[in-house]
Amino acid sequence: HGVYLIPVDLAFLYTNTDPYTGDERPYSGWFGYTTSGVAYNTTEKRVKRYMEFLATDPQFRIDTTRMYISGASMGGGGALHFAYHYPRLFAAAEASIGWVNPLAWGTGYWEWNIGPRTTVRPVNSSTGPNWWNWQDMSWLMNSGPAFLPPVVHTFRKDDEVIDESAYDDLLQH
């Protein structure tokens, strides 16, 4: 029972063309896109808008103190990022084998899409946080919100995709 919002990122279309706009751009990695040297978290904002819409629509009668987010793999990373970026929106988050930073998953992809780690891509404005930090859960834990919802993050110690050392800082909190 409940209301489920199941957003679709363009991750598995294996194309650089957005099917809705026709724009040539890669999938967002549950973030958004870059243009003119600034990274815009449009995908995050879109999902947040959907959740807020559902939460305020009286036909759904949603208890906003019981909204949860979950996902696995790419969706697990998305769930973690949403919970960390919008902690007051969720009662809890669950991620299975979620990516915790851009270097732990899709390294070559992010350099191609965002630029090398030495490239500063501010988020949402020229004075926003660097994209590489915005997408790094350890950086967020150490400099981000004082409040976080409970987070359950599962992964296998023998995962060959994401090195468990990427989780060290997170597991200490």
Protein backbone atom coordinates (compact mmCIF):
# COMPACT_ATOMS: atom_id res chain seq x y z
CA HIS A 1 0.00 0.00 0.00
CA GLY A 2 1.15 3.51 -0.63
CA VAL A 3 1.94 5.96 -3.39
CA TYR A 4 5.06 5.25 -5.40
CA LEU A 5 6.97 7.74 -7.51
CA ILE A 6 9.22 5.87 -9.92
CA PRO A 7 11.23 8.41 -11.92
CA VAL A 8 13.21 7.40 -14.98
CA ASP A 9 16.68 8.71 -15.58
CA LEU A 10 17.93 8.32 -19.12
CA ALA A 11 20.72 6.00 -17.95
CA PHE A 12 19.79 2.97 -19.98
CA LEU A 13 18.83 4.49 -23.30
CA TYR A 14 22.49 4.31 -24.38
CA THR A 15 22.08 7.42 -26.44
CA ASN A 16 23.19 11.01 -26.16
CA THR A 17 19.82 12.31 -27.33
CA ASP A 18 17.21 13.30 -24.76
CA PRO A 19 13.98 11.65 -26.02
CA TYR A 20 11.84 14.49 -24.66
CA THR A 21 13.75 17.53 -25.87
CA GLY A 22 15.84 16.09 -28.69
CA ASP A 23 18.88 17.77 -27.15
CA GLU A 24 22.24 16.10 -27.50
CA ARG A 25 23.33 15.41 -23.94
CA PRO A 26 24.27 12.36 -21.91
CA TYR A 27 22.07 10.95 -19.19
CA SER A 28 22.11 12.83 -15.93
CA GLY A 29 23.30 10.33 -13.36
CA TRP A 30 20.35 11.50 -11.21
CA PHE A 31 21.82 14.99 -11.25
CA GLY A 32 21.13 17.13 -14.30
CA TYR A 33 23.39 18.68 -16.89
CA THR A 34 26.11 21.26 -17.44
CA THR A 35 26.04 24.30 -19.66
CA SER A 36 28.21 27.41 -19.87
CA GLY A 37 30.49 26.10 -17.11
CA VAL A 38 27.70 25.65 -14.54
CA ALA A 39 26.15 22.33 -13.46
CA TYR A 40 22.37 22.43 -12.94
CA ASN A 41 20.72 19.79 -10.76
CA THR A 42 17.58 19.66 -12.90
CA THR A 43 16.94 15.94 -12.43
CA GLU A 44 17.12 16.28 -8.65
CA LYS A 45 14.80 19.27 -8.73
CA ARG A 46 12.35 17.48 -11.04
CA VAL A 47 12.02 14.48 -8.71
CA LYS A 48 11.76 16.79 -5.69
CA ARG A 49 8.92 18.72 -7.42
CA TYR A 50 7.09 15.45 -8.14
CA MET A 51 7.38 14.39 -4.52
CA GLU A 52 6.19 17.74 -3.22
CA PHE A 53 3.28 17.68 -5.66
CA LEU A 54 2.20 14.21 -4.56
CA ALA A 55 2.61 15.13 -0.89
CA THR A 56 0.34 18.16 -1.21
CA ASP A 57 -2.33 16.67 -3.47
CA PRO A 58 -5.28 15.83 -1.16
CA GLN A 59 -6.37 12.84 -3.26
CA PHE A 60 -3.27 10.91 -2.16
CA ARG A 61 -3.53 11.72 1.58
CA ILE A 62 0.22 11.31 2.10
CA ASP A 63 1.69 11.49 5.57
CA THR A 64 4.74 13.66 4.84
CA THR A 65 6.52 12.33 7.92
CA ARG A 66 6.56 8.89 6.29
CA MET A 67 8.11 9.54 2.88
CA TYR A 68 10.98 7.23 1.98
CA ILE A 69 13.43 6.86 -0.87
CA SER A 70 15.14 3.71 -2.08
CA GLY A 71 17.04 2.36 -5.04
CA ALA A 72 19.72 -0.03 -6.21
CA SER A 73 22.90 0.53 -8.19
CA MET A 74 22.45 3.78 -10.15
CA GLY A 75 19.13 4.27 -8.29
CA GLY A 76 20.91 3.54 -5.00
CA GLY A 77 23.29 6.38 -5.69
CA GLY A 78 20.31 8.54 -6.62
CA ALA A 79 18.55 7.62 -3.35
CA LEU A 80 21.64 8.52 -1.32
CA HIS A 81 22.11 11.79 -3.14
CA PHE A 82 18.46 12.81 -2.71
CA ALA A 83 18.50 11.94 0.98
CA TYR A 84 21.69 13.92 1.56
CA HIS A 85 20.67 16.92 -0.56
CA TYR A 86 17.07 17.08 0.72
CA PRO A 87 17.24 15.52 4.20
CA ARG A 88 14.04 17.08 5.56
CA LEU A 89 12.00 15.56 2.74
CA PHE A 90 12.52 11.92 3.76
CA ALA A 91 11.84 9.87 6.88
CA ALA A 92 14.55 7.41 5.79
CA ALA A 93 16.57 6.27 2.80
CA GLU A 94 17.58 2.82 1.61
CA ALA A 95 20.30 2.25 -0.95
CA SER A 96 21.65 -1.01 -2.23
CA ILE A 97 25.07 -0.93 -3.89
CA GLY A 98 24.67 2.79 -4.49
CA TRP A 99 27.54 4.88 -5.77
CA VAL A 100 28.82 7.32 -3.17
CA ASN A 101 31.02 9.58 -5.28
CA PRO A 102 31.82 10.13 -8.95
CA LEU A 103 35.15 8.33 -8.67
CA ALA A 104 33.50 5.19 -7.27
CA TRP A 105 31.33 4.71 -10.34
CA GLY A 106 31.51 5.74 -13.96
CA THR A 107 34.83 7.54 -13.61
CA GLY A 108 35.49 7.99 -17.32
CA TYR A 109 31.88 8.99 -17.92
CA TRP A 110 31.98 11.85 -15.42
CA GLU A 111 35.23 13.26 -16.79
CA TRP A 112 33.67 13.20 -20.24
CA ASN A 113 30.41 14.79 -19.09
CA ILE A 114 31.57 17.19 -16.33
CA GLY A 115 35.28 17.60 -16.99
CA PRO A 116 38.38 16.48 -15.08
CA ARG A 117 38.25 16.57 -11.29
CA THR A 118 40.50 19.63 -11.46
CA THR A 119 37.74 21.43 -13.38
CA VAL A 120 35.48 23.43 -11.10
CA ARG A 121 31.83 23.08 -12.13
CA PRO A 122 29.74 25.09 -9.67
CA VAL A 123 26.24 23.81 -9.01
CA ASN A 124 23.28 26.04 -9.98
CA SER A 125 25.23 29.34 -10.02
CA SER A 126 28.75 30.64 -10.47
CA THR A 127 29.15 30.65 -6.67
CA GLY A 128 27.62 27.22 -5.95
CA PRO A 129 29.52 24.25 -4.55
CA ASN A 130 31.80 22.37 -6.91
CA TRP A 131 29.94 19.51 -8.66
CA TRP A 132 32.64 17.03 -7.66
CA ASN A 133 31.93 17.85 -4.00
CA TRP A 134 28.14 18.05 -4.45
CA GLN A 135 28.19 14.45 -5.70
CA ASP A 136 30.60 13.15 -3.03
CA MET A 137 28.73 11.72 -0.04
CA SER A 138 31.83 11.85 2.20
CA TRP A 139 32.28 15.55 1.46
CA LEU A 140 28.59 16.15 2.22
CA MET A 141 28.81 14.20 5.48
CA ASN A 142 31.77 16.25 6.62
CA SER A 143 30.50 19.66 5.51
CA GLY A 144 26.82 19.23 4.83
CA PRO A 145 23.60 19.16 6.81
CA ALA A 146 23.56 18.63 10.56
CA PHE A 147 20.40 16.54 10.16
CA LEU A 148 20.16 13.44 7.98
CA PRO A 149 17.40 10.88 7.80
CA PRO A 150 18.35 7.33 8.82
CA VAL A 151 20.18 5.75 5.89
CA VAL A 152 20.44 2.01 5.26
CA HIS A 153 23.12 1.31 2.69
CA THR A 154 23.84 -2.27 1.68
CA PHE A 155 26.59 -3.62 -0.53
CA ARG A 156 28.66 -6.75 -0.85
CA LYS A 157 32.23 -6.75 0.36
CA ASP A 158 33.25 -8.53 -2.84
CA ASP A 159 31.56 -5.98 -5.12
CA GLU A 160 33.81 -5.63 -8.16
CA VAL A 161 32.19 -2.40 -9.37
CA ILE A 162 32.53 -0.10 -6.37
CA ASP A 163 35.59 -0.35 -4.14
CA GLU A 164 34.51 -0.65 -0.50
CA SER A 165 37.12 1.94 0.52
CA ALA A 166 34.81 4.54 -1.08
CA TYR A 167 32.42 3.86 1.80
CA ASP A 168 34.88 4.31 4.68
CA ASP A 169 33.88 7.85 5.69
CA LEU A 170 30.18 7.11 5.38
CA LEU A 171 30.32 3.99 7.52
CA GLN A 172 31.86 5.97 10.37
CA HIS A 173 28.87 8.34 10.65
